[in-house]
Amino acid sequence: MLGEGCEIGFTSEVARSYLRENVGAHHAYVGDSIIDSGVNFGAFSVTTNLRLDKKNIKVTIKEDRVDSGRSKLGAIVGKKAMIGSGGKLMPGCKIDPEGIVMPNEVRK
């Protein structure tokens, strides 16, 4: 589902994800993710959504790692976060509101 004002650029793919308003994705892949409003995905950034061993993905809630019960889960990205060009968000990764993922950075 795409919110109002989203811009999904040429060669970008959004699959099974929820994007709120004014999200931009430029040559990016966003899969199985929840993206709050005003987030920008730089060129060639990705949300990875599957572990190589295909086990369920764990997410961090407060200080605890919790099994999501899902074998596919991308990222949960807070409002107005910026994902730099080539940024990679590993399965179950959470980015805080106004968080910054630097170009080519990998977040777990």
N, C-alpha and C. Protein backbone atom coordinates (compact mmCIF):
# COMPACT_ATOMS: atom_id res chain seq x y z
N MET A 1 0.84 -1.16 0.00
CA MET A 1 0.00 0.00 0.00
C MET A 1 0.90 1.24 0.00
N LEU A 2 0.59 2.17 -0.87
CA LEU A 2 1.36 3.41 -0.98
C LEU A 2 0.53 4.59 -0.50
N GLY A 3 1.10 5.40 0.38
CA GLY A 3 0.43 6.60 0.84
C GLY A 3 0.50 7.71 -0.20
N GLU A 4 -0.25 8.74 0.05
CA GLU A 4 -0.30 9.89 -0.85
C GLU A 4 1.08 10.54 -0.97
N GLY A 5 1.43 10.94 -2.17
CA GLY A 5 2.67 11.66 -2.41
C GLY A 5 3.91 10.80 -2.49
N CYS A 6 3.77 9.47 -2.48
CA CYS A 6 4.95 8.60 -2.61
C CYS A 6 5.49 8.69 -4.03
N GLU A 7 6.80 8.64 -4.15
CA GLU A 7 7.45 8.63 -5.46
C GLU A 7 8.33 7.39 -5.55
N ILE A 8 7.92 6.48 -6.40
CA ILE A 8 8.66 5.24 -6.62
C ILE A 8 9.35 5.38 -7.97
N GLY A 9 10.65 5.56 -7.94
CA GLY A 9 11.41 5.88 -9.14
C GLY A 9 11.63 4.70 -10.07
N PHE A 10 12.16 5.03 -11.23
CA PHE A 10 12.48 4.07 -12.28
C PHE A 10 13.34 2.94 -11.71
N THR A 11 13.00 1.73 -12.04
CA THR A 11 13.64 0.47 -11.62
C THR A 11 13.49 0.16 -10.13
N SER A 12 12.71 0.93 -9.41
CA SER A 12 12.45 0.60 -8.00
C SER A 12 11.36 -0.45 -7.93
N GLU A 13 11.40 -1.26 -6.86
CA GLU A 13 10.34 -2.24 -6.63
C GLU A 13 9.89 -2.14 -5.18
N VAL A 14 8.58 -2.12 -5.00
CA VAL A 14 7.97 -2.16 -3.67
C VAL A 14 7.07 -3.39 -3.64
N ALA A 15 7.34 -4.33 -2.73
CA ALA A 15 6.59 -5.58 -2.69
C ALA A 15 6.09 -5.85 -1.27
N ARG A 16 4.79 -6.13 -1.14
CA ARG A 16 4.18 -6.53 0.13
C ARG A 16 4.57 -5.60 1.28
N SER A 17 4.54 -4.30 1.02
CA SER A 17 4.98 -3.31 2.01
C SER A 17 3.93 -2.23 2.21
N TYR A 18 4.05 -1.53 3.34
CA TYR A 18 3.17 -0.41 3.66
C TYR A 18 4.03 0.84 3.75
N LEU A 19 3.78 1.79 2.84
CA LEU A 19 4.50 3.06 2.84
C LEU A 19 3.50 4.16 3.14
N ARG A 20 3.80 4.96 4.15
CA ARG A 20 2.94 6.10 4.48
C ARG A 20 3.20 7.22 3.48
N GLU A 21 2.79 8.42 3.79
CA GLU A 21 2.85 9.54 2.86
C GLU A 21 4.28 9.98 2.57
N ASN A 22 4.47 10.47 1.33
CA ASN A 22 5.70 11.17 0.92
C ASN A 22 6.98 10.37 1.10
N VAL A 23 6.92 9.08 0.79
CA VAL A 23 8.11 8.24 0.80
C VAL A 23 8.70 8.26 -0.61
N GLY A 24 10.02 8.38 -0.69
CA GLY A 24 10.69 8.35 -1.99
C GLY A 24 11.63 7.17 -2.08
N ALA A 25 11.61 6.49 -3.22
CA ALA A 25 12.52 5.37 -3.45
C ALA A 25 13.12 5.53 -4.84
N HIS A 26 14.42 5.60 -4.92
CA HIS A 26 15.12 5.86 -6.17
C HIS A 26 16.04 4.69 -6.48
N HIS A 27 15.69 3.90 -7.51
CA HIS A 27 16.44 2.68 -7.85
C HIS A 27 16.61 1.82 -6.59
N ALA A 28 15.52 1.54 -5.90
CA ALA A 28 15.58 0.85 -4.61
C ALA A 28 14.66 -0.37 -4.60
N TYR A 29 14.89 -1.26 -3.63
CA TYR A 29 13.99 -2.39 -3.39
C TYR A 29 13.49 -2.29 -1.95
N VAL A 30 12.16 -2.28 -1.80
CA VAL A 30 11.52 -2.27 -0.48
C VAL A 30 10.57 -3.46 -0.43
N GLY A 31 10.93 -4.47 0.36
CA GLY A 31 10.11 -5.68 0.42
C GLY A 31 9.70 -6.03 1.84
N ASP A 32 8.42 -6.37 2.01
CA ASP A 32 7.88 -6.86 3.29
C ASP A 32 8.22 -5.90 4.43
N SER A 33 8.06 -4.61 4.19
CA SER A 33 8.51 -3.59 5.15
C SER A 33 7.39 -2.63 5.53
N ILE A 34 7.61 -1.93 6.64
CA ILE A 34 6.69 -0.88 7.10
C ILE A 34 7.50 0.41 7.15
N ILE A 35 7.09 1.39 6.34
CA ILE A 35 7.86 2.62 6.19
C ILE A 35 6.98 3.80 6.56
N ASP A 36 7.40 4.58 7.55
CA ASP A 36 6.63 5.75 7.99
C ASP A 36 6.81 6.90 7.00
N SER A 37 6.10 7.98 7.22
CA SER A 37 6.06 9.09 6.27
C SER A 37 7.38 9.85 6.19
N GLY A 38 7.62 10.41 5.00
CA GLY A 38 8.77 11.28 4.78
C GLY A 38 10.11 10.59 4.67
N VAL A 39 10.12 9.28 4.53
CA VAL A 39 11.38 8.53 4.43
C VAL A 39 11.90 8.61 3.00
N ASN A 40 13.22 8.69 2.85
CA ASN A 40 13.83 8.70 1.53
C ASN A 40 14.83 7.55 1.41
N PHE A 41 14.68 6.76 0.35
CA PHE A 41 15.61 5.69 0.03
C PHE A 41 16.49 6.16 -1.12
N GLY A 42 17.78 6.29 -0.88
CA GLY A 42 18.71 6.69 -1.93
C GLY A 42 18.87 5.60 -2.97
N ALA A 43 19.51 5.96 -4.07
CA ALA A 43 19.72 5.02 -5.17
C ALA A 43 20.41 3.75 -4.68
N PHE A 44 19.91 2.62 -5.16
CA PHE A 44 20.48 1.29 -4.91
C PHE A 44 20.43 0.87 -3.44
N SER A 45 19.53 1.45 -2.67
CA SER A 45 19.33 0.99 -1.29
C SER A 45 18.30 -0.14 -1.29
N VAL A 46 18.39 -1.02 -0.29
CA VAL A 46 17.51 -2.19 -0.25
C VAL A 46 17.09 -2.52 1.18
N THR A 47 15.89 -3.09 1.28
CA THR A 47 15.48 -3.75 2.52
C THR A 47 15.53 -5.25 2.21
N THR A 48 16.43 -5.96 2.85
CA THR A 48 16.47 -7.40 2.64
C THR A 48 15.40 -8.03 3.52
N ASN A 49 14.81 -9.11 3.06
CA ASN A 49 13.63 -9.63 3.75
C ASN A 49 13.64 -11.13 4.00
N LEU A 50 14.77 -11.78 3.79
CA LEU A 50 14.83 -13.23 3.95
C LEU A 50 16.21 -13.62 4.47
N ARG A 51 16.23 -14.40 5.54
CA ARG A 51 17.51 -14.91 6.05
C ARG A 51 18.01 -16.00 5.10
N LEU A 52 19.31 -16.12 4.96
CA LEU A 52 19.87 -17.15 4.08
C LEU A 52 19.52 -18.55 4.56
N ASP A 53 19.39 -18.73 5.88
CA ASP A 53 19.02 -20.05 6.42
C ASP A 53 17.51 -20.24 6.47
N LYS A 54 16.75 -19.24 6.03
CA LYS A 54 15.29 -19.25 5.94
C LYS A 54 14.59 -19.44 7.29
N LYS A 55 15.29 -19.22 8.39
CA LYS A 55 14.65 -19.26 9.71
C LYS A 55 13.81 -18.00 9.90
N ASN A 56 12.92 -18.04 10.90
CA ASN A 56 12.11 -16.86 11.21
C ASN A 56 12.99 -15.68 11.58
N ILE A 57 12.52 -14.51 11.24
CA ILE A 57 13.26 -13.28 11.50
C ILE A 57 12.93 -12.77 12.90
N LYS A 58 13.96 -12.34 13.61
CA LYS A 58 13.78 -11.78 14.94
C LYS A 58 13.85 -10.26 14.86
N VAL A 59 13.06 -9.61 15.71
CA VAL A 59 13.08 -8.15 15.81
C VAL A 59 13.39 -7.77 17.26
N THR A 60 13.93 -6.59 17.44
CA THR A 60 14.23 -6.10 18.78
C THR A 60 13.06 -5.27 19.28
N ILE A 61 12.54 -5.65 20.44
CA ILE A 61 11.48 -4.88 21.11
C ILE A 61 12.03 -4.53 22.48
N LYS A 62 12.23 -3.24 22.69
CA LYS A 62 12.94 -2.73 23.86
C LYS A 62 14.32 -3.36 23.86
N GLU A 63 14.64 -4.21 24.80
CA GLU A 63 15.97 -4.84 24.85
C GLU A 63 15.94 -6.30 24.40
N ASP A 64 14.76 -6.82 24.09
CA ASP A 64 14.62 -8.25 23.80
C ASP A 64 14.57 -8.54 22.31
N ARG A 65 15.16 -9.68 21.92
CA ARG A 65 15.04 -10.18 20.55
C ARG A 65 13.84 -11.12 20.54
N VAL A 66 12.87 -10.83 19.67
CA VAL A 66 11.62 -11.57 19.64
C VAL A 66 11.42 -12.19 18.26
N ASP A 67 11.02 -13.46 18.24
CA ASP A 67 10.72 -14.14 16.98
C ASP A 67 9.46 -13.51 16.38
N SER A 68 9.56 -13.04 15.14
CA SER A 68 8.42 -12.39 14.48
C SER A 68 7.39 -13.39 13.99
N GLY A 69 7.77 -14.68 13.93
CA GLY A 69 6.86 -15.67 13.39
C GLY A 69 6.80 -15.64 11.87
N ARG A 70 7.66 -14.84 11.25
CA ARG A 70 7.66 -14.68 9.79
C ARG A 70 9.03 -15.07 9.22
N SER A 71 8.99 -15.78 8.11
CA SER A 71 10.25 -16.10 7.43
C SER A 71 10.66 -14.96 6.50
N LYS A 72 9.72 -14.08 6.17
CA LYS A 72 10.03 -12.89 5.36
C LYS A 72 9.56 -11.65 6.10
N LEU A 73 10.50 -10.77 6.37
CA LEU A 73 10.20 -9.49 7.01
C LEU A 73 11.33 -8.54 6.67
N GLY A 74 10.99 -7.41 6.10
CA GLY A 74 12.00 -6.41 5.75
C GLY A 74 12.32 -5.53 6.93
N ALA A 75 12.23 -4.22 6.71
CA ALA A 75 12.60 -3.24 7.74
C ALA A 75 11.38 -2.50 8.26
N ILE A 76 11.55 -1.92 9.44
CA ILE A 76 10.57 -1.01 10.02
C ILE A 76 11.30 0.32 10.16
N VAL A 77 10.86 1.31 9.38
CA VAL A 77 11.60 2.56 9.28
C VAL A 77 10.74 3.71 9.78
N GLY A 78 11.28 4.48 10.73
CA GLY A 78 10.58 5.59 11.36
C GLY A 78 10.50 6.84 10.48
N LYS A 79 9.61 7.71 10.88
CA LYS A 79 9.30 8.95 10.16
C LYS A 79 10.55 9.78 9.85
N LYS A 80 10.63 10.24 8.60
CA LYS A 80 11.68 11.15 8.10
C LYS A 80 13.10 10.59 8.18
N ALA A 81 13.21 9.26 8.23
CA ALA A 81 14.55 8.66 8.19
C ALA A 81 15.12 8.81 6.78
N MET A 82 16.43 8.78 6.69
CA MET A 82 17.12 8.90 5.41
C MET A 82 18.01 7.67 5.22
N ILE A 83 17.80 6.97 4.12
CA ILE A 83 18.60 5.80 3.80
C ILE A 83 19.52 6.20 2.64
N GLY A 84 20.81 6.27 2.90
CA GLY A 84 21.77 6.72 1.90
C GLY A 84 21.91 5.75 0.74
N SER A 85 22.46 6.24 -0.34
CA SER A 85 22.70 5.44 -1.54
C SER A 85 23.46 4.17 -1.19
N GLY A 86 22.92 3.04 -1.63
CA GLY A 86 23.57 1.76 -1.37
C GLY A 86 23.37 1.22 0.03
N GLY A 87 22.55 1.88 0.84
CA GLY A 87 22.28 1.41 2.20
C GLY A 87 21.54 0.09 2.18
N LYS A 88 21.91 -0.81 3.10
CA LYS A 88 21.28 -2.12 3.16
C LYS A 88 20.70 -2.34 4.55
N LEU A 89 19.40 -2.62 4.59
CA LEU A 89 18.71 -2.88 5.85
C LEU A 89 18.43 -4.38 5.93
N MET A 90 19.02 -5.05 6.90
CA MET A 90 18.87 -6.49 7.05
C MET A 90 17.48 -6.84 7.56
N PRO A 91 17.06 -8.12 7.41
CA PRO A 91 15.72 -8.53 7.83
C PRO A 91 15.42 -8.17 9.29
N GLY A 92 14.27 -7.55 9.52
CA GLY A 92 13.84 -7.19 10.86
C GLY A 92 14.49 -5.94 11.43
N CYS A 93 15.29 -5.26 10.64
CA CYS A 93 15.99 -4.05 11.08
C CYS A 93 14.99 -2.94 11.40
N LYS A 94 15.29 -2.17 12.45
CA LYS A 94 14.46 -1.01 12.79
C LYS A 94 15.32 0.25 12.72
N ILE A 95 14.79 1.28 12.06
CA ILE A 95 15.47 2.56 11.97
C ILE A 95 14.59 3.58 12.69
N ASP A 96 15.18 4.30 13.63
CA ASP A 96 14.44 5.28 14.42
C ASP A 96 13.95 6.44 13.56
N PRO A 97 12.90 7.15 14.04
CA PRO A 97 12.47 8.37 13.35
C PRO A 97 13.65 9.33 13.20
N GLU A 98 13.76 9.92 12.02
CA GLU A 98 14.82 10.85 11.66
C GLU A 98 16.21 10.21 11.70
N GLY A 99 16.25 8.88 11.71
CA GLY A 99 17.52 8.17 11.68
C GLY A 99 18.19 8.30 10.33
N ILE A 100 19.50 8.12 10.32
CA ILE A 100 20.27 8.22 9.08
C ILE A 100 21.07 6.94 8.90
N VAL A 101 20.92 6.34 7.73
CA VAL A 101 21.76 5.21 7.33
C VAL A 101 22.70 5.77 6.27
N MET A 102 23.98 5.77 6.56
CA MET A 102 24.97 6.37 5.67
C MET A 102 25.10 5.57 4.37
N PRO A 103 25.58 6.21 3.30
CA PRO A 103 25.77 5.50 2.03
C PRO A 103 26.61 4.23 2.24
N ASN A 104 26.14 3.15 1.63
CA ASN A 104 26.79 1.82 1.67
C ASN A 104 26.83 1.18 3.06
N GLU A 105 26.16 1.75 4.03
CA GLU A 105 26.12 1.17 5.38
C GLU A 105 25.18 -0.03 5.40
N VAL A 106 25.53 -1.03 6.22
CA VAL A 106 24.68 -2.19 6.44
C VAL A 106 24.16 -2.10 7.87
N ARG A 107 22.82 -2.13 8.03
CA ARG A 107 22.21 -2.09 9.37
C ARG A 107 21.57 -3.42 9.67
N LYS A 108 21.84 -3.94 10.88
CA LYS A 108 21.27 -5.22 11.31
C LYS A 108 20.21 -5.00 12.35
